[in-house]
């Protein structure tokens, strides 16, 4: 993600995230032959992790699921989501 988007998300959600809970936002899409996915993990308004990727010959549903799967794989099992 760009620095603009990262900064915007931090300032926009800072007010709402004053706990130790994790907040995960995901998205996936498909157009033509390419699909893409992305996620961002926040705690207390701070970005803990963000990733994205592209896959060829896929579907929108698979990209949505891929974003969620990757996000959940990158958090501690003791985290409250």
Protein backbone atom coordinates (compact mmCIF):
# COMPACT_ATOMS: atom_id res chain seq x y z
CA UNK A 1 0.00 0.00 0.00
CA UNK A 2 1.12 3.50 -0.56
CA UNK A 3 2.26 5.75 2.26
CA UNK A 4 -0.79 7.95 1.67
CA UNK A 5 -3.19 5.05 2.21
CA UNK A 6 -1.24 3.82 5.23
CA UNK A 7 -1.24 7.29 6.83
CA UNK A 8 -4.90 7.81 6.03
CA UNK A 9 -5.94 4.51 7.61
CA UNK A 10 -3.89 5.24 10.73
CA UNK A 11 -5.49 8.64 11.26
CA UNK A 12 -9.00 7.51 10.32
CA UNK A 13 -9.15 4.55 12.66
CA UNK A 14 -7.00 5.82 15.54
CA UNK A 15 -10.02 7.02 17.51
CA UNK A 16 -11.78 3.66 17.29
CA UNK A 17 -8.88 1.40 18.18
CA UNK A 18 -7.95 2.09 21.79
CA UNK A 19 -7.89 -1.56 22.90
CA UNK A 20 -5.68 -4.60 22.48
CA UNK A 21 -8.05 -6.13 19.95
CA UNK A 22 -6.84 -6.70 16.42
CA UNK A 23 -8.81 -5.36 13.49
CA UNK A 24 -8.35 -7.01 10.13
CA UNK A 25 -9.51 -5.50 6.86
CA UNK A 26 -9.39 -7.58 3.70
CA UNK A 27 -10.30 -7.25 0.05
CA UNK A 28 -10.07 -9.35 -3.07
CA UNK A 29 -10.99 -8.75 -6.69
CA UNK A 30 -10.72 -10.23 -10.15
CA UNK A 31 -10.60 -8.62 -13.58
CA UNK A 32 -9.65 -10.28 -16.82
CA UNK A 33 -7.06 -12.96 -16.17
CA UNK A 34 -5.67 -11.45 -12.97
CA UNK A 35 -6.95 -11.42 -9.43
CA UNK A 36 -5.56 -9.53 -6.46
CA UNK A 37 -5.93 -9.63 -2.69
CA UNK A 38 -4.83 -7.47 0.22
CA UNK A 39 -5.13 -7.23 3.98
CA UNK A 40 -4.18 -4.87 6.76
CA UNK A 41 -3.98 -5.71 10.49
CA UNK A 42 -4.39 -2.91 13.04
CA UNK A 43 -4.01 -2.69 16.82
CA UNK A 44 -4.60 0.57 18.68
CA UNK A 45 -4.61 2.41 15.38
CA UNK A 46 -1.15 1.11 14.48
CA UNK A 47 -0.53 -1.04 11.45
CA UNK A 48 0.96 -4.35 12.51
CA UNK A 49 1.04 -5.98 9.09
CA UNK A 50 -0.11 -5.39 5.54
CA UNK A 51 0.32 -7.51 2.46
CA UNK A 52 -1.08 -7.92 -1.00
CA UNK A 53 -0.64 -10.23 -3.94
CA UNK A 54 -1.70 -11.12 -7.46
CA UNK A 55 -2.81 -14.45 -8.89
CA UNK A 56 -3.46 -15.40 -12.48
CA UNK A 57 -6.53 -17.33 -13.69
CA UNK A 58 -8.64 -17.10 -10.54
CA UNK A 59 -12.00 -15.79 -9.31
CA UNK A 60 -13.12 -12.92 -7.10
CA UNK A 61 -14.30 -15.38 -4.44
CA UNK A 62 -10.89 -17.06 -4.30
CA UNK A 63 -9.18 -13.68 -3.92
CA UNK A 64 -11.51 -12.66 -1.07
CA UNK A 65 -10.80 -15.98 0.67
CA UNK A 66 -7.05 -15.67 0.01
CA UNK A 67 -6.94 -12.27 1.72
CA UNK A 68 -8.68 -13.61 4.84
CA UNK A 69 -6.58 -16.78 4.93
CA UNK A 70 -3.29 -14.90 4.65
CA UNK A 71 -4.32 -12.38 7.30
CA UNK A 72 -5.33 -15.05 9.81
CA UNK A 73 -2.12 -17.00 9.18
CA UNK A 74 -0.10 -13.94 10.18
CA UNK A 75 -1.55 -13.33 13.64
CA UNK A 76 -0.83 -14.98 16.96
CA UNK A 77 -3.28 -17.66 18.01
CA UNK A 78 -3.65 -15.86 21.35
CA UNK A 79 -4.92 -12.67 19.68
CA UNK A 80 -8.48 -11.46 20.06
CA UNK A 81 -9.85 -10.54 16.62
